[in-house]
Amino acid sequence: MENKLFDFLETYMPLEEEEKAAITELALFRNYKKGAVLLREGQMVLEGFFVISGCVRRYYIIDGEEKTTAFFTEFESVTATPTIESEPAEYYLACVEDSLLIVSNPSLEKIIFEKFPRFEKLCRILSEKLLAENQASFDTFRTSSPEQRYLELLENRPDLVQRVPQYQLASYLGMKPESLSRIRKRLLSQAKQHHSYALSVKN
């Protein structure tokens, strides 16, 4: 478990053995089963989550219907670590798959930042990266049609198509499951026609 994390962190900065040992001693890793709810609307945000393996979904319940707004997979921050002044969540977090997560809180971070100050810089870099990615994703969503969103997903996060139930994927893309099904069938038909035409030209 730790080695996966260390390999990821070392893409940003080399780690000394003492630093690796300190991270291991904090016992930050937790396993969650598929379907486990990490956070519910109205609960105080007391912990931050980082995915080592698996998939976590963020969603809202609006008029009794789930509205998925994000999926987090390997080496992505689900939430920034909360501050001491915690606030109630406006959303839900749940595991789409069996997941291994790093779970942190302000007290744990204070301990490790005091012992290894440069980790604070690393956490800031990762938080800024998460913010930038969320903004880019939001901008793309606002300016794209449902079909364009699906094509964008196929290009940038094709694994989600296999890992996530279609109704959740449709909610994330801002459409009904039947609309997503129609788009997928149309694109598949177009791909088959293109393949047939390419073969006929080749022969």
Protein backbone atom coordinates (compact mmCIF):
# COMPACT_ATOMS: atom_id res chain seq x y z
CA MET A 1 0.00 0.00 0.00
CA GLU A 2 2.63 2.48 1.09
CA ASN A 3 4.84 1.80 -1.94
CA LYS A 4 2.08 2.91 -4.32
CA LEU A 5 1.79 6.18 -2.43
CA PHE A 6 5.55 6.69 -2.23
CA ASP A 7 5.93 6.14 -5.99
CA PHE A 8 3.26 8.76 -6.61
CA LEU A 9 4.71 11.31 -4.20
CA GLU A 10 8.18 10.88 -5.63
CA THR A 11 6.95 12.16 -8.98
CA TYR A 12 6.75 15.50 -7.14
CA MET A 13 9.67 15.22 -4.70
CA PRO A 14 12.17 12.55 -3.56
CA LEU A 15 11.42 11.04 -0.17
CA GLU A 16 13.89 10.11 2.52
CA GLU A 17 13.52 6.85 4.44
CA GLU A 18 12.70 8.78 7.62
CA GLU A 19 9.82 10.51 5.83
CA LYS A 20 8.48 7.23 4.48
CA ALA A 21 8.61 5.71 7.96
CA ALA A 22 6.73 8.69 9.43
CA ILE A 23 3.95 8.35 6.86
CA THR A 24 3.66 4.62 7.50
CA GLU A 25 3.47 5.11 11.28
CA LEU A 26 0.49 7.46 10.95
CA ALA A 27 -1.69 4.56 9.74
CA LEU A 28 -3.49 6.68 7.16
CA PHE A 29 -4.72 3.79 5.00
CA ARG A 30 -8.28 2.47 5.20
CA ASN A 31 -10.14 -0.10 3.09
CA TYR A 32 -13.78 0.50 2.14
CA LYS A 33 -16.23 -1.86 0.48
CA LYS A 34 -18.14 -1.02 -2.69
CA GLY A 35 -21.18 1.08 -1.77
CA ALA A 36 -19.69 2.40 1.47
CA VAL A 37 -20.83 5.97 2.17
CA LEU A 38 -17.91 8.12 3.31
CA LEU A 39 -19.86 11.31 3.88
CA ARG A 40 -23.51 12.30 3.94
CA GLU A 41 -25.16 15.65 3.33
CA GLY A 42 -25.32 17.57 6.59
CA GLN A 43 -22.45 15.72 8.26
CA MET A 44 -19.49 17.76 9.42
CA VAL A 45 -16.50 17.47 7.08
CA LEU A 46 -13.87 16.17 9.48
CA GLU A 47 -11.64 14.15 7.15
CA GLY A 48 -9.96 14.44 3.77
CA PHE A 49 -9.69 11.48 1.37
CA PHE A 50 -7.11 10.52 -1.25
CA VAL A 51 -7.60 7.49 -3.52
CA ILE A 52 -4.85 4.87 -3.71
CA SER A 53 -7.03 2.35 -5.54
CA GLY A 54 -10.72 2.16 -6.38
CA CYS A 55 -13.28 4.81 -7.29
CA VAL A 56 -15.25 7.33 -5.22
CA ARG A 57 -18.32 9.23 -6.40
CA ARG A 58 -19.51 12.67 -5.28
CA TYR A 59 -23.21 13.32 -5.66
CA TYR A 60 -26.07 15.53 -4.48
CA ILE A 61 -29.67 14.54 -3.86
CA ILE A 62 -31.96 17.09 -5.49
CA ASP A 63 -35.74 16.58 -5.37
CA GLY A 64 -35.13 12.97 -4.40
CA GLU A 65 -32.85 12.26 -7.36
CA GLU A 66 -29.09 11.63 -7.26
CA LYS A 67 -27.00 14.09 -9.30
CA THR A 68 -23.43 12.85 -9.76
CA THR A 69 -20.86 15.62 -10.11
CA ALA A 70 -17.49 13.82 -9.93
CA PHE A 71 -15.63 10.52 -9.90
CA PHE A 72 -12.25 10.16 -8.20
CA THR A 73 -9.89 7.32 -9.09
CA GLU A 74 -6.27 6.36 -8.43
CA PHE A 75 -4.08 9.15 -7.02
CA GLU A 76 -6.77 11.81 -6.95
CA SER A 77 -7.83 13.89 -3.96
CA VAL A 78 -11.50 13.43 -3.18
CA THR A 79 -11.58 16.41 -0.83
CA ALA A 80 -8.98 18.73 0.53
CA THR A 81 -8.21 18.11 4.19
CA PRO A 82 -10.73 20.12 6.22
CA THR A 83 -9.71 23.01 8.41
CA ILE A 84 -10.22 23.13 12.16
CA GLU A 85 -13.40 25.12 11.51
CA SER A 86 -15.32 22.27 9.89
CA GLU A 87 -18.53 22.88 7.96
CA PRO A 88 -21.44 20.55 7.12
CA ALA A 89 -21.25 18.85 3.72
CA GLU A 90 -23.68 19.75 0.96
CA TYR A 91 -23.03 16.47 -0.88
CA TYR A 92 -22.48 12.73 -0.47
CA LEU A 93 -19.33 10.65 -1.05
CA ALA A 94 -19.60 6.92 -1.74
CA CYS A 95 -17.34 4.16 -3.05
CA VAL A 96 -18.23 2.88 -6.51
CA GLU A 97 -15.73 0.04 -6.08
CA ASP A 98 -13.85 -1.57 -3.21
CA SER A 99 -11.39 1.23 -2.41
CA LEU A 100 -8.16 1.85 -0.54
CA LEU A 101 -8.03 5.45 0.67
CA ILE A 102 -5.75 7.68 2.65
CA VAL A 103 -7.82 9.39 5.33
CA SER A 104 -6.39 12.48 6.99
CA ASN A 105 -7.51 15.24 9.33
CA PRO A 106 -6.08 18.55 10.57
CA SER A 107 -4.49 16.95 13.66
CA LEU A 108 -2.61 14.34 11.63
CA GLU A 109 -1.44 16.93 9.13
CA LYS A 110 -0.23 19.21 11.92
CA ILE A 111 1.91 16.39 13.30
CA ILE A 112 3.56 15.56 9.99
CA PHE A 113 3.98 19.19 8.88
CA GLU A 114 5.77 20.01 12.12
CA LYS A 115 8.10 17.07 11.66
CA PHE A 116 8.56 17.48 7.87
CA PRO A 117 7.70 21.07 6.81
CA ARG A 118 8.23 20.42 3.09
CA PHE A 119 5.19 18.11 3.07
CA GLU A 120 3.05 21.20 3.52
CA LYS A 121 4.31 22.51 0.17
CA LEU A 122 3.56 19.17 -1.46
CA CYS A 123 0.00 19.16 -0.10
CA ARG A 124 -0.49 22.69 -1.38
CA ILE A 125 0.70 21.64 -4.86
CA LEU A 126 -1.74 18.71 -4.89
CA SER A 127 -4.62 20.90 -3.66
CA GLU A 128 -3.94 23.50 -6.36
CA LYS A 129 -3.83 20.72 -8.97
CA LEU A 130 -7.20 19.41 -7.77
CA LEU A 131 -8.73 22.90 -7.90
CA ALA A 132 -7.43 23.51 -11.44
CA GLU A 133 -8.71 20.16 -12.69
CA ASN A 134 -12.14 20.72 -11.15
CA GLN A 135 -12.38 24.16 -12.75
CA ALA A 136 -11.35 22.82 -16.17
CA SER A 137 -13.88 19.99 -15.88
CA PHE A 138 -16.64 22.43 -14.87
CA ASP A 139 -15.86 24.79 -17.77
CA THR A 140 -15.94 21.92 -20.27
CA PHE A 141 -19.24 20.68 -18.86
CA ARG A 142 -20.88 24.10 -19.14
CA THR A 143 -19.92 24.61 -22.79
CA SER A 144 -20.45 21.07 -24.16
CA SER A 145 -23.43 19.11 -25.44
CA PRO A 146 -24.20 15.75 -23.79
CA GLU A 147 -22.63 13.88 -26.72
CA GLN A 148 -19.52 16.07 -26.59
CA ARG A 149 -19.23 15.36 -22.86
CA TYR A 150 -19.37 11.63 -23.53
CA LEU A 151 -16.72 11.86 -26.28
CA GLU A 152 -14.56 13.94 -23.95
CA LEU A 153 -14.95 11.26 -21.30
CA LEU A 154 -13.94 8.53 -23.77
CA GLU A 155 -10.83 10.50 -24.65
CA ASN A 156 -9.71 11.54 -21.17
CA ARG A 157 -11.18 8.95 -18.75
CA PRO A 158 -12.16 5.86 -20.76
CA ASP A 159 -11.78 3.60 -17.72
CA LEU A 160 -14.90 5.13 -16.16
CA VAL A 161 -17.08 3.67 -18.92
CA GLN A 162 -16.14 0.18 -17.70
CA ARG A 163 -15.97 0.92 -13.98
CA VAL A 164 -19.09 3.00 -13.34
CA PRO A 165 -22.78 1.93 -13.61
CA GLN A 166 -24.44 3.52 -16.63
CA TYR A 167 -27.06 5.38 -14.59
CA GLN A 168 -24.31 7.08 -12.56
CA LEU A 169 -22.33 7.87 -15.70
CA ALA A 170 -25.43 9.36 -17.33
CA SER A 171 -26.09 11.53 -14.26
CA TYR A 172 -22.47 12.75 -14.34
CA LEU A 173 -22.84 13.67 -18.03
CA GLY A 174 -26.11 15.50 -17.39
CA MET A 175 -28.50 13.16 -19.18
CA LYS A 176 -30.90 10.25 -18.62
CA PRO A 177 -29.59 6.66 -18.91
CA GLU A 178 -31.71 6.06 -22.02
CA SER A 179 -30.18 9.14 -23.69
CA LEU A 180 -26.68 7.85 -22.97
CA SER A 181 -27.68 4.45 -24.35
CA ARG A 182 -28.86 6.08 -27.60
CA ILE A 183 -25.63 8.06 -27.94
CA ARG A 184 -23.51 4.94 -27.38
CA LYS A 185 -25.51 2.95 -29.95
CA ARG A 186 -25.25 5.76 -32.51
CA LEU A 187 -21.50 6.12 -32.05
CA LEU A 188 -21.04 2.35 -32.27
CA SER A 189 -23.08 2.26 -35.49
CA GLN A 190 -21.01 5.09 -36.95
CA ALA A 191 -17.80 3.29 -36.01
CA LYS A 192 -18.99 0.09 -37.72
CA GLN A 193 -19.96 2.00 -40.87
CA HIS A 194 -16.58 3.71 -40.93
CA HIS A 195 -14.83 0.36 -40.49
CA SER A 196 -16.88 -1.22 -43.31
CA TYR A 197 -16.11 1.71 -45.61
CA ALA A 198 -12.40 1.52 -44.79
CA LEU A 199 -12.36 -2.19 -45.64
CA SER A 200 -14.17 -1.62 -48.93
CA VAL A 201 -11.72 1.09 -49.95
CA LYS A 202 -8.78 -1.10 -48.98
CA ASN A 203 -10.11 -4.00 -51.09
